[in-house]
Amino acid sequence: MIRDVNKLARVDFCSEMLAANVGFSDCVFTDECTVQIDCSTKFCFVKKGDQYSRMRNRAKHPAKVHIWGGISVRGATRLAILPGNCRIDSELYCRIIERCYIPFKSKVYNGFCRLVQDNAPPHKSRYTSDKFKNWGVDTLAWPAESPDLNPIELIWGNMKKMIRKQGIGNLDALKVAIAQYWDTLTPEICSRYVAGIRKRMERVVEQEGRNITEDR
């Protein structure tokens, strides 16, 4: 549940963006996500008394990877795929930004775009702030507890649906599936996701800052 103070901040932010008719054409929406192999329990029929008549348990530590990516009306950034056991601290986060965002910023936007990120500690640390200043990275202040406003969350959701349907069983296949999905994100597709922000902001205002459930 979103805290009351953040509900107010969400309404203020959305109202301001809507009033200014901001199109977010200069914004690159980024986020991290964890994707794991589907280890959900499967059922089967067995004969009464069969020594194997038990259900398989869900794995306690399913294989997974962490990913980072960004989308904009001009397309998607390079995707970072990281080991599932790594911790994304400020230093690792900045290495990701340096390798995946900075080249996109220069090549696709000629250096003139804004980074949209959530308020996770590695994103807001002194170390990261200093790096961003040195690199000339501009950011758009984003309200706390607002993943529902970031269009890349819809990308992650659709990616996970696709992966579940494929029934992937190992890490290598998982990485390939993630990369293949990412390659389908053309500028036209990314633009459709970004275009939905206005509708979501209107809903946040209507619901007085509460969380929304949004389809593309």
Protein backbone atom coordinates (compact mmCIF):
# COMPACT_ATOMS: atom_id res chain seq x y z
CA MET A 1 0.00 0.00 0.00
CA ILE A 2 1.31 3.42 -0.95
CA ARG A 3 1.96 5.76 1.97
CA ASP A 4 -0.25 8.83 2.20
CA VAL A 5 2.62 11.28 1.76
CA ASN A 6 3.60 9.52 -1.45
CA LYS A 7 0.02 9.47 -2.68
CA LEU A 8 0.00 13.25 -2.46
CA ALA A 9 3.36 13.48 -4.23
CA ARG A 10 2.08 11.20 -7.00
CA VAL A 11 -0.99 13.34 -7.55
CA ASP A 12 1.08 16.54 -7.59
CA PHE A 13 3.59 15.06 -10.04
CA CYS A 14 0.96 13.69 -12.39
CA SER A 15 -1.11 16.86 -12.27
CA GLU A 16 1.95 18.94 -13.10
CA MET A 17 2.96 16.70 -16.01
CA LEU A 18 -0.58 16.64 -17.40
CA ALA A 19 -1.01 20.41 -17.12
CA ALA A 20 2.27 20.98 -18.94
CA ASN A 21 1.30 18.41 -21.57
CA VAL A 22 4.67 16.69 -21.18
CA GLY A 23 5.19 14.07 -23.87
CA PHE A 24 8.30 12.41 -22.39
CA SER A 25 9.90 12.20 -25.83
CA ASP A 26 13.27 13.06 -24.28
CA CYS A 27 13.02 10.50 -21.48
CA VAL A 28 14.60 7.07 -21.21
CA PHE A 29 12.62 4.92 -18.77
CA THR A 30 14.86 2.45 -16.96
CA ASP A 31 14.61 -0.17 -14.27
CA GLU A 32 16.01 -3.43 -12.96
CA CYS A 33 14.08 -6.68 -12.88
CA THR A 34 14.66 -10.23 -11.66
CA VAL A 35 13.62 -13.08 -13.94
CA GLN A 36 13.64 -16.67 -12.73
CA ILE A 37 12.98 -20.05 -14.26
CA ASP A 38 9.42 -21.12 -13.57
CA CYS A 39 9.61 -23.82 -10.92
CA SER A 40 5.92 -23.95 -10.11
CA THR A 41 4.56 -27.22 -8.80
CA LYS A 42 3.05 -29.54 -11.40
CA PHE A 43 0.33 -32.08 -10.66
CA CYS A 44 -0.11 -35.64 -11.93
CA PHE A 45 -2.43 -38.55 -11.19
CA VAL A 46 -0.97 -41.58 -9.37
CA LYS A 47 -2.35 -44.87 -8.14
CA LYS A 48 -3.39 -45.09 -4.52
CA GLY A 49 -0.48 -46.29 -2.42
CA ASP A 50 2.11 -45.60 -5.09
CA GLN A 51 5.45 -44.91 -3.40
CA TYR A 52 5.94 -41.95 -5.77
CA SER A 53 2.56 -40.41 -4.95
CA ARG A 54 3.83 -37.07 -3.84
CA MET A 55 4.01 -33.68 -5.40
CA ARG A 56 7.25 -32.07 -6.43
CA ASN A 57 8.08 -29.11 -4.25
CA ARG A 58 8.91 -25.69 -5.56
CA ALA A 59 12.66 -25.12 -5.63
CA LYS A 60 13.82 -23.05 -2.67
CA HIS A 61 16.38 -21.21 -4.80
CA PRO A 62 15.20 -21.19 -8.44
CA ALA A 63 17.74 -20.19 -11.07
CA LYS A 64 17.45 -16.52 -11.93
CA VAL A 65 19.11 -13.51 -13.50
CA HIS A 66 18.89 -9.78 -12.88
CA ILE A 67 18.38 -7.50 -15.86
CA TRP A 68 18.54 -3.77 -16.48
CA GLY A 69 17.16 -1.96 -19.48
CA GLY A 70 15.61 1.24 -20.73
CA ILE A 71 13.06 2.27 -23.35
CA SER A 72 12.20 5.54 -25.06
CA VAL A 73 10.23 6.75 -28.05
CA ARG A 74 13.44 6.24 -30.04
CA GLY A 75 13.86 2.63 -29.03
CA ALA A 76 15.51 0.49 -26.36
CA THR A 77 18.91 0.75 -24.72
CA ARG A 78 21.38 -2.08 -24.59
CA LEU A 79 20.20 -4.72 -22.12
CA ALA A 80 22.33 -5.77 -19.15
CA ILE A 81 21.94 -9.38 -17.95
CA LEU A 82 23.56 -10.07 -14.58
CA PRO A 83 24.04 -13.19 -12.42
CA GLY A 84 21.18 -13.90 -10.06
CA ASN A 85 23.46 -13.96 -7.02
CA CYS A 86 24.94 -10.50 -7.56
CA ARG A 87 23.96 -7.42 -5.60
CA ILE A 88 23.41 -4.25 -7.56
CA ASP A 89 25.16 -1.60 -5.48
CA SER A 90 26.10 1.93 -6.53
CA GLU A 91 29.32 0.90 -8.26
CA LEU A 92 27.71 -1.86 -10.31
CA TYR A 93 24.76 0.37 -11.13
CA CYS A 94 27.07 3.06 -12.45
CA ARG A 95 28.96 0.53 -14.56
CA ILE A 96 25.63 -0.48 -16.10
CA ILE A 97 24.75 3.15 -16.79
CA GLU A 98 28.19 3.76 -18.31
CA ARG A 99 27.98 0.75 -20.63
CA CYS A 100 24.30 0.69 -21.53
CA TYR A 101 22.81 4.18 -21.06
CA ILE A 102 25.62 6.61 -21.88
CA PRO A 103 26.24 5.21 -25.40
CA PHE A 104 22.49 5.26 -26.10
CA LYS A 105 22.27 8.83 -24.84
CA SER A 106 25.08 9.92 -27.15
CA LYS A 107 24.17 7.94 -30.25
CA VAL A 108 20.38 8.12 -30.23
CA TYR A 109 19.75 11.44 -28.47
CA ASN A 110 22.96 13.28 -29.32
CA GLY A 111 23.49 13.69 -25.59
CA PHE A 112 20.16 15.40 -24.88
CA CYS A 113 17.81 13.17 -22.91
CA ARG A 114 16.73 12.53 -19.35
CA LEU A 115 17.10 9.34 -17.34
CA VAL A 116 14.04 8.09 -15.49
CA GLN A 117 14.83 5.78 -12.56
CA ASP A 118 13.18 4.85 -9.30
CA ASN A 119 14.39 5.91 -5.87
CA ALA A 120 16.37 2.79 -4.96
CA PRO A 121 19.40 3.60 -2.74
CA PRO A 122 22.02 2.77 -5.44
CA HIS A 123 20.29 5.24 -7.76
CA LYS A 124 20.37 8.07 -5.24
CA SER A 125 23.68 7.56 -3.46
CA ARG A 126 26.44 10.17 -3.31
CA TYR A 127 28.63 7.90 -5.43
CA THR A 128 26.01 7.69 -8.18
CA SER A 129 25.20 11.40 -8.01
CA ASP A 130 28.87 12.29 -8.45
CA LYS A 131 29.21 9.94 -11.41
CA PHE A 132 26.10 11.35 -13.05
CA LYS A 133 27.42 14.88 -12.61
CA ASN A 134 30.73 13.94 -14.23
CA TRP A 135 28.97 12.22 -17.12
CA GLY A 136 26.40 14.96 -17.62
CA VAL A 137 23.48 12.63 -16.92
CA ASP A 138 20.23 14.54 -16.42
CA THR A 139 17.41 12.83 -14.54
CA LEU A 140 13.70 13.42 -14.21
CA ALA A 141 12.65 13.35 -10.56
CA TRP A 142 10.18 10.49 -10.21
CA PRO A 143 7.72 10.09 -7.32
CA ALA A 144 8.39 7.32 -4.81
CA GLU A 145 6.36 4.10 -4.89
CA SER A 146 5.42 4.65 -8.53
CA PRO A 147 6.42 1.64 -10.65
CA ASP A 148 2.90 1.72 -12.09
CA LEU A 149 3.80 4.96 -13.88
CA ASN A 150 6.96 3.59 -15.50
CA PRO A 151 6.17 1.98 -18.89
CA ILE A 152 9.11 -0.40 -18.63
CA GLU A 153 7.23 -2.27 -15.90
CA LEU A 154 4.79 -3.33 -18.62
CA ILE A 155 7.74 -4.55 -20.67
CA TRP A 156 8.92 -6.70 -17.77
CA GLY A 157 5.44 -8.10 -17.24
CA ASN A 158 5.00 -9.08 -20.87
CA MET A 159 8.51 -10.54 -21.00
CA LYS A 160 7.78 -12.79 -18.03
CA LYS A 161 4.52 -13.98 -19.58
CA MET A 162 6.37 -14.92 -22.75
CA ILE A 163 9.05 -16.79 -20.80
CA ARG A 164 6.49 -18.75 -18.75
CA LYS A 165 4.76 -19.88 -21.94
CA GLN A 166 8.05 -21.23 -23.30
CA GLY A 167 8.61 -23.52 -20.32
CA ILE A 168 12.30 -22.69 -20.12
CA GLY A 169 14.34 -25.09 -18.00
CA ASN A 170 17.89 -23.73 -17.75
CA LEU A 171 19.75 -20.45 -17.35
CA ASP A 172 21.29 -20.38 -20.81
CA ALA A 173 17.88 -20.75 -22.44
CA LEU A 174 16.50 -18.09 -20.11
CA LYS A 175 19.18 -15.60 -21.14
CA VAL A 176 18.56 -16.32 -24.83
CA ALA A 177 14.81 -15.85 -24.42
CA ILE A 178 15.29 -12.54 -22.61
CA ALA A 179 17.68 -11.24 -25.27
CA GLN A 180 15.38 -12.34 -28.09
CA TYR A 181 12.42 -10.59 -26.50
CA TRP A 182 14.46 -7.43 -26.01
CA ASP A 183 15.43 -7.45 -29.69
CA THR A 184 11.74 -7.21 -30.64
CA LEU A 185 11.41 -3.79 -28.97
CA THR A 186 11.46 -1.50 -31.98
CA PRO A 187 11.06 2.28 -31.63
CA GLU A 188 7.43 1.87 -32.74
CA ILE A 189 6.69 -0.65 -30.00
CA CYS A 190 8.52 1.37 -27.34
CA SER A 191 6.63 4.50 -28.40
CA ARG A 192 3.31 2.76 -27.77
CA TYR A 193 4.36 1.91 -24.24
CA VAL A 194 5.53 5.47 -23.57
CA ALA A 195 2.36 6.95 -25.05
CA GLY A 196 0.33 5.21 -22.36
CA ILE A 197 1.87 7.28 -19.57
CA ARG A 198 -0.67 10.07 -19.89
CA LYS A 199 -3.58 7.68 -19.40
CA ARG A 200 -1.92 6.17 -16.34
CA MET A 201 -1.26 9.60 -14.86
CA GLU A 202 -4.89 10.54 -15.35
CA ARG A 203 -5.89 7.40 -13.46
CA VAL A 204 -3.51 8.18 -10.61
CA VAL A 205 -5.10 11.62 -10.22
CA GLU A 206 -8.59 10.11 -10.39
CA GLN A 207 -7.69 7.56 -7.71
CA GLU A 208 -6.07 10.19 -5.48
CA GLY A 209 -2.61 8.71 -5.75
CA ARG A 210 -3.50 5.09 -5.12
CA ASN A 211 -1.83 2.32 -7.07
CA ILE A 212 -3.31 1.45 -10.46
CA THR A 213 -3.47 -1.76 -12.45
CA GLU A 214 -2.64 -0.99 -16.02
CA ASP A 215 -2.59 -2.91 -19.27
CA ARG A 216 -0.78 -1.61 -22.29
